[in-house]
N, C-alpha and C. Protein backbone atom coordinates (compact mmCIF):
# COMPACT_ATOMS: atom_id res chain seq x y z
N MET A 1 18.84 48.92 -14.20
CA MET A 1 18.88 47.56 -14.69
C MET A 1 18.63 46.61 -13.52
N THR A 2 17.69 45.68 -13.71
CA THR A 2 17.34 44.77 -12.63
C THR A 2 18.21 43.52 -12.67
N ASN A 3 18.19 42.80 -11.58
CA ASN A 3 18.96 41.56 -11.49
C ASN A 3 18.13 40.34 -11.88
N GLU A 4 16.89 40.52 -12.37
CA GLU A 4 16.05 39.39 -12.72
C GLU A 4 16.68 38.49 -13.78
N PRO A 5 17.23 39.01 -14.89
CA PRO A 5 17.85 38.12 -15.87
C PRO A 5 19.02 37.33 -15.28
N ILE A 6 19.78 37.94 -14.41
CA ILE A 6 20.91 37.24 -13.78
C ILE A 6 20.39 36.14 -12.86
N ALA A 7 19.37 36.46 -12.07
CA ALA A 7 18.79 35.46 -11.16
C ALA A 7 18.19 34.31 -11.93
N LEU A 8 17.51 34.62 -13.04
CA LEU A 8 16.92 33.58 -13.87
C LEU A 8 18.00 32.69 -14.46
N ALA A 9 19.08 33.29 -14.93
CA ALA A 9 20.18 32.51 -15.49
C ALA A 9 20.82 31.62 -14.43
N MET A 10 20.93 32.15 -13.21
CA MET A 10 21.51 31.35 -12.12
C MET A 10 20.60 30.18 -11.78
N ARG A 11 19.29 30.41 -11.79
CA ARG A 11 18.36 29.30 -11.52
C ARG A 11 18.45 28.23 -12.60
N ARG A 12 18.54 28.67 -13.84
CA ARG A 12 18.66 27.71 -14.94
C ARG A 12 19.95 26.91 -14.80
N ARG A 13 21.03 27.57 -14.40
CA ARG A 13 22.29 26.84 -14.19
C ARG A 13 22.16 25.86 -13.04
N SER A 14 21.41 26.25 -12.01
CA SER A 14 21.19 25.34 -10.88
C SER A 14 20.42 24.11 -11.32
N VAL A 15 19.39 24.31 -12.15
CA VAL A 15 18.63 23.18 -12.67
C VAL A 15 19.54 22.28 -13.49
N LEU A 16 20.40 22.89 -14.31
CA LEU A 16 21.32 22.12 -15.13
C LEU A 16 22.30 21.35 -14.26
N ALA A 17 22.82 21.99 -13.21
CA ALA A 17 23.76 21.31 -12.32
C ALA A 17 23.11 20.13 -11.62
N LEU A 18 21.85 20.30 -11.19
CA LEU A 18 21.14 19.19 -10.56
C LEU A 18 20.90 18.06 -11.55
N ALA A 19 20.55 18.42 -12.78
CA ALA A 19 20.34 17.40 -13.80
C ALA A 19 21.64 16.64 -14.08
N LEU A 20 22.75 17.35 -14.12
CA LEU A 20 24.03 16.68 -14.35
C LEU A 20 24.40 15.76 -13.19
N SER A 21 24.09 16.17 -11.97
CA SER A 21 24.37 15.29 -10.83
C SER A 21 23.48 14.06 -10.89
N LEU A 22 22.27 14.22 -11.39
CA LEU A 22 21.38 13.09 -11.58
C LEU A 22 21.98 12.10 -12.57
N ILE A 23 22.48 12.61 -13.67
CA ILE A 23 23.10 11.74 -14.68
C ILE A 23 24.32 11.05 -14.11
N ALA A 24 25.10 11.75 -13.32
CA ALA A 24 26.28 11.14 -12.70
C ALA A 24 25.88 10.01 -11.77
N CYS A 25 24.79 10.19 -11.01
CA CYS A 25 24.32 9.13 -10.13
C CYS A 25 23.85 7.92 -10.93
N LEU A 26 23.19 8.18 -12.05
CA LEU A 26 22.70 7.07 -12.87
C LEU A 26 23.83 6.32 -13.55
N SER A 27 24.87 7.03 -13.94
CA SER A 27 25.93 6.40 -14.72
C SER A 27 26.94 5.66 -13.87
N SER A 28 27.02 5.97 -12.59
CA SER A 28 27.98 5.26 -11.76
C SER A 28 27.51 3.84 -11.54
N SER A 29 28.46 2.91 -11.51
CA SER A 29 28.09 1.50 -11.41
C SER A 29 27.74 1.15 -9.98
N ALA A 30 26.66 0.42 -9.83
CA ALA A 30 26.23 -0.04 -8.50
C ALA A 30 26.35 -1.56 -8.48
N SER A 31 27.32 -2.06 -7.74
CA SER A 31 27.52 -3.49 -7.70
C SER A 31 26.52 -4.17 -6.79
N ASP A 32 26.01 -3.45 -5.84
CA ASP A 32 25.08 -4.02 -4.89
C ASP A 32 23.71 -3.41 -5.11
N GLU A 33 22.68 -4.23 -5.04
CA GLU A 33 21.33 -3.74 -5.28
C GLU A 33 20.91 -2.68 -4.27
N SER A 34 21.33 -2.84 -3.01
CA SER A 34 20.94 -1.85 -2.01
C SER A 34 21.58 -0.49 -2.28
N ILE A 35 22.81 -0.50 -2.77
CA ILE A 35 23.47 0.75 -3.13
C ILE A 35 22.73 1.41 -4.28
N GLU A 36 22.34 0.60 -5.25
CA GLU A 36 21.60 1.14 -6.40
C GLU A 36 20.27 1.73 -5.94
N ARG A 37 19.57 1.04 -5.06
CA ARG A 37 18.27 1.54 -4.57
C ARG A 37 18.46 2.85 -3.80
N GLU A 38 19.53 2.94 -3.01
CA GLU A 38 19.81 4.18 -2.27
C GLU A 38 20.10 5.32 -3.23
N ARG A 39 20.85 5.04 -4.28
CA ARG A 39 21.17 6.08 -5.26
C ARG A 39 19.93 6.52 -6.01
N LEU A 40 19.08 5.57 -6.35
CA LEU A 40 17.85 5.93 -7.05
C LEU A 40 16.93 6.74 -6.14
N ALA A 41 16.89 6.42 -4.85
CA ALA A 41 16.11 7.21 -3.91
C ALA A 41 16.68 8.63 -3.81
N ALA A 42 18.02 8.74 -3.86
CA ALA A 42 18.64 10.06 -3.85
C ALA A 42 18.28 10.84 -5.11
N ILE A 43 18.20 10.14 -6.22
CA ILE A 43 17.81 10.78 -7.48
C ILE A 43 16.40 11.34 -7.37
N LEU A 44 15.50 10.59 -6.74
CA LEU A 44 14.14 11.08 -6.57
C LEU A 44 14.12 12.34 -5.70
N ARG A 45 14.99 12.39 -4.69
CA ARG A 45 15.08 13.61 -3.88
C ARG A 45 15.61 14.77 -4.71
N GLU A 46 16.57 14.48 -5.60
CA GLU A 46 17.09 15.52 -6.49
C GLU A 46 16.00 16.03 -7.42
N PHE A 47 15.12 15.13 -7.85
CA PHE A 47 14.00 15.55 -8.70
C PHE A 47 13.12 16.54 -7.97
N ASP A 48 12.93 16.34 -6.66
CA ASP A 48 12.14 17.31 -5.90
C ASP A 48 12.77 18.69 -5.99
N ALA A 49 14.07 18.76 -5.83
CA ALA A 49 14.78 20.05 -5.91
C ALA A 49 14.71 20.63 -7.33
N ILE A 50 14.87 19.78 -8.32
CA ILE A 50 14.81 20.25 -9.71
C ILE A 50 13.42 20.79 -10.02
N GLU A 51 12.39 20.07 -9.58
CA GLU A 51 11.03 20.54 -9.84
C GLU A 51 10.74 21.85 -9.12
N ARG A 52 11.26 21.99 -7.91
CA ARG A 52 11.08 23.25 -7.17
C ARG A 52 11.77 24.40 -7.90
N LEU A 53 13.01 24.18 -8.35
CA LEU A 53 13.73 25.22 -9.10
C LEU A 53 13.04 25.53 -10.43
N THR A 54 12.47 24.54 -11.04
CA THR A 54 11.76 24.75 -12.30
C THR A 54 10.55 25.64 -12.07
N ARG A 55 9.79 25.37 -11.01
CA ARG A 55 8.63 26.23 -10.71
C ARG A 55 9.06 27.66 -10.43
N GLU A 56 10.13 27.82 -9.65
CA GLU A 56 10.62 29.16 -9.33
C GLU A 56 11.10 29.87 -10.59
N SER A 57 11.82 29.17 -11.43
CA SER A 57 12.33 29.78 -12.67
C SER A 57 11.20 30.17 -13.59
N GLU A 58 10.19 29.31 -13.66
CA GLU A 58 9.07 29.61 -14.54
C GLU A 58 8.31 30.84 -14.06
N SER A 59 8.14 30.96 -12.75
CA SER A 59 7.41 32.13 -12.24
C SER A 59 8.23 33.41 -12.38
N ALA A 60 9.56 33.29 -12.44
CA ALA A 60 10.41 34.47 -12.58
C ALA A 60 10.77 34.76 -14.04
N ALA A 61 10.33 33.91 -14.95
CA ALA A 61 10.67 34.10 -16.37
C ALA A 61 10.00 35.36 -16.90
N PRO A 62 10.69 36.08 -17.75
CA PRO A 62 10.09 37.29 -18.32
C PRO A 62 8.88 36.94 -19.18
N ALA A 63 7.83 37.74 -19.05
CA ALA A 63 6.59 37.46 -19.77
C ALA A 63 6.73 37.74 -21.27
N SER A 64 7.48 38.75 -21.60
CA SER A 64 7.64 39.08 -23.02
C SER A 64 8.94 39.85 -23.19
N GLY A 65 9.20 40.19 -24.42
CA GLY A 65 10.38 41.00 -24.69
C GLY A 65 11.60 40.19 -25.07
N THR A 66 11.50 38.88 -25.02
CA THR A 66 12.63 38.04 -25.44
C THR A 66 12.22 37.24 -26.66
N ARG A 67 13.17 36.93 -27.46
CA ARG A 67 12.88 36.21 -28.70
C ARG A 67 12.59 34.74 -28.45
N TYR A 68 13.34 34.13 -27.55
CA TYR A 68 13.16 32.72 -27.25
C TYR A 68 12.70 32.55 -25.82
N HIS A 69 11.86 31.56 -25.61
CA HIS A 69 11.36 31.26 -24.28
C HIS A 69 11.68 29.81 -23.96
N PHE A 70 12.03 29.57 -22.73
CA PHE A 70 12.31 28.20 -22.29
C PHE A 70 10.98 27.48 -22.13
N ASP A 71 10.91 26.24 -22.62
CA ASP A 71 9.68 25.45 -22.59
C ASP A 71 9.60 24.68 -21.28
N TYR A 72 9.07 25.33 -20.25
CA TYR A 72 8.98 24.71 -18.93
C TYR A 72 8.00 23.55 -18.92
N ALA A 73 6.93 23.64 -19.70
CA ALA A 73 5.95 22.56 -19.74
C ALA A 73 6.60 21.27 -20.26
N ARG A 74 7.43 21.38 -21.27
CA ARG A 74 8.12 20.21 -21.81
C ARG A 74 9.11 19.65 -20.80
N LEU A 75 9.81 20.53 -20.09
CA LEU A 75 10.75 20.09 -19.06
C LEU A 75 10.01 19.34 -17.96
N ARG A 76 8.87 19.89 -17.51
CA ARG A 76 8.09 19.22 -16.47
C ARG A 76 7.62 17.85 -16.93
N ALA A 77 7.18 17.76 -18.17
CA ALA A 77 6.71 16.48 -18.71
C ALA A 77 7.85 15.45 -18.76
N ASP A 78 9.03 15.88 -19.19
CA ASP A 78 10.18 14.98 -19.24
C ASP A 78 10.60 14.54 -17.84
N LEU A 79 10.61 15.48 -16.90
CA LEU A 79 10.96 15.13 -15.53
C LEU A 79 9.96 14.13 -14.95
N ALA A 80 8.68 14.34 -15.23
CA ALA A 80 7.65 13.43 -14.73
C ALA A 80 7.83 12.03 -15.32
N ARG A 81 8.20 11.98 -16.60
CA ARG A 81 8.38 10.69 -17.26
C ARG A 81 9.58 9.94 -16.67
N VAL A 82 10.67 10.64 -16.44
CA VAL A 82 11.86 9.99 -15.86
C VAL A 82 11.58 9.59 -14.42
N ARG A 83 10.91 10.46 -13.66
CA ARG A 83 10.57 10.15 -12.27
C ARG A 83 9.71 8.89 -12.22
N ALA A 84 8.72 8.81 -13.09
CA ALA A 84 7.84 7.63 -13.11
C ALA A 84 8.63 6.36 -13.41
N GLY A 85 9.61 6.46 -14.31
CA GLY A 85 10.43 5.30 -14.62
C GLY A 85 11.26 4.83 -13.43
N VAL A 86 11.84 5.78 -12.70
CA VAL A 86 12.63 5.43 -11.51
C VAL A 86 11.72 4.83 -10.45
N GLU A 87 10.56 5.46 -10.23
CA GLU A 87 9.63 4.95 -9.22
C GLU A 87 9.11 3.56 -9.59
N ASP A 88 8.83 3.34 -10.87
CA ASP A 88 8.37 2.02 -11.29
C ASP A 88 9.45 0.96 -11.08
N TYR A 89 10.71 1.35 -11.27
CA TYR A 89 11.79 0.40 -11.03
C TYR A 89 11.91 0.09 -9.54
N LEU A 90 11.80 1.10 -8.71
CA LEU A 90 11.94 0.89 -7.26
C LEU A 90 10.77 0.10 -6.68
N VAL A 91 9.58 0.35 -7.18
CA VAL A 91 8.40 -0.34 -6.68
C VAL A 91 7.67 -0.92 -7.89
N PRO A 92 8.12 -2.08 -8.36
CA PRO A 92 7.48 -2.65 -9.54
C PRO A 92 6.03 -3.03 -9.24
N PRO A 93 5.16 -2.86 -10.22
CA PRO A 93 3.77 -3.23 -9.99
C PRO A 93 3.67 -4.75 -9.83
N ARG A 94 2.92 -5.14 -8.89
CA ARG A 94 2.73 -6.56 -8.64
C ARG A 94 1.52 -7.05 -9.42
N ALA A 95 1.63 -8.27 -9.89
CA ALA A 95 0.50 -8.85 -10.61
C ALA A 95 -0.65 -9.05 -9.62
N GLN A 96 -1.81 -8.63 -10.02
CA GLN A 96 -2.98 -8.78 -9.18
C GLN A 96 -3.53 -10.20 -9.31
N PRO A 97 -4.04 -10.74 -8.21
CA PRO A 97 -4.61 -12.10 -8.31
C PRO A 97 -5.79 -12.10 -9.28
N ARG A 98 -5.88 -13.16 -10.02
CA ARG A 98 -6.97 -13.28 -10.98
C ARG A 98 -8.27 -13.62 -10.25
N ASP A 99 -9.36 -13.22 -10.85
CA ASP A 99 -10.67 -13.57 -10.32
C ASP A 99 -10.94 -15.01 -10.75
N LEU A 100 -10.77 -15.91 -9.83
CA LEU A 100 -10.93 -17.32 -10.16
C LEU A 100 -12.40 -17.68 -10.22
N GLN A 101 -12.72 -18.47 -11.21
CA GLN A 101 -14.09 -18.95 -11.34
C GLN A 101 -14.11 -20.41 -10.91
N ALA A 102 -15.20 -20.78 -10.31
CA ALA A 102 -15.33 -22.16 -9.85
C ALA A 102 -15.40 -23.10 -11.04
N LEU A 103 -14.81 -24.26 -10.88
CA LEU A 103 -14.89 -25.28 -11.92
C LEU A 103 -16.28 -25.88 -11.95
N GLN A 104 -16.72 -26.28 -13.12
CA GLN A 104 -18.05 -26.87 -13.24
C GLN A 104 -18.07 -28.28 -12.63
N ALA A 105 -17.05 -29.06 -12.85
CA ALA A 105 -16.87 -30.41 -12.30
C ALA A 105 -17.92 -31.41 -12.75
N ASN A 106 -18.80 -31.05 -13.62
CA ASN A 106 -19.77 -31.99 -14.16
C ASN A 106 -19.53 -32.06 -15.65
N TYR A 107 -18.93 -33.17 -16.08
CA TYR A 107 -18.54 -33.28 -17.49
C TYR A 107 -19.46 -34.23 -18.26
N ARG A 108 -20.55 -34.65 -17.67
CA ARG A 108 -21.47 -35.58 -18.36
C ARG A 108 -22.55 -34.75 -19.04
N ARG A 109 -22.74 -35.07 -20.31
CA ARG A 109 -23.76 -34.38 -21.08
C ARG A 109 -24.79 -35.39 -21.51
N GLU A 110 -26.02 -35.05 -21.40
CA GLU A 110 -27.09 -36.00 -21.80
C GLU A 110 -27.26 -35.95 -23.30
N ALA A 111 -27.52 -37.12 -23.85
CA ALA A 111 -27.72 -37.22 -25.28
C ALA A 111 -29.06 -36.55 -25.64
N ALA A 112 -29.10 -35.99 -26.81
CA ALA A 112 -30.33 -35.36 -27.27
C ALA A 112 -31.34 -36.44 -27.62
N THR A 113 -32.57 -36.28 -27.23
CA THR A 113 -33.61 -37.25 -27.54
C THR A 113 -34.19 -36.96 -28.90
N PRO A 114 -34.43 -38.04 -29.71
CA PRO A 114 -34.97 -37.81 -31.06
C PRO A 114 -36.41 -37.46 -31.09
């Protein structure tokens, strides 16, 4: 009997533990904006670890022989969506300057000749 199922279960628990720590960081109140930004930056670092564990777990997942399979693609998509939201909050997109057109400045129109 191999230890692969045990190792896979441990990796999944590690991913779950990291996700729970992420939720704890998000739910704690940040009275100061700098503290909040530091916590959000820490969350992004946690995402790096979660994504690394997800890749490792996916590569170690059994190819067949089990009835249910963990949907790693969906997990990666959800992680990417949450990461993008945190990054957008930390670095909000700035409005780009508009392409200004020169004013005509000539408001006199000649009358049509009959």
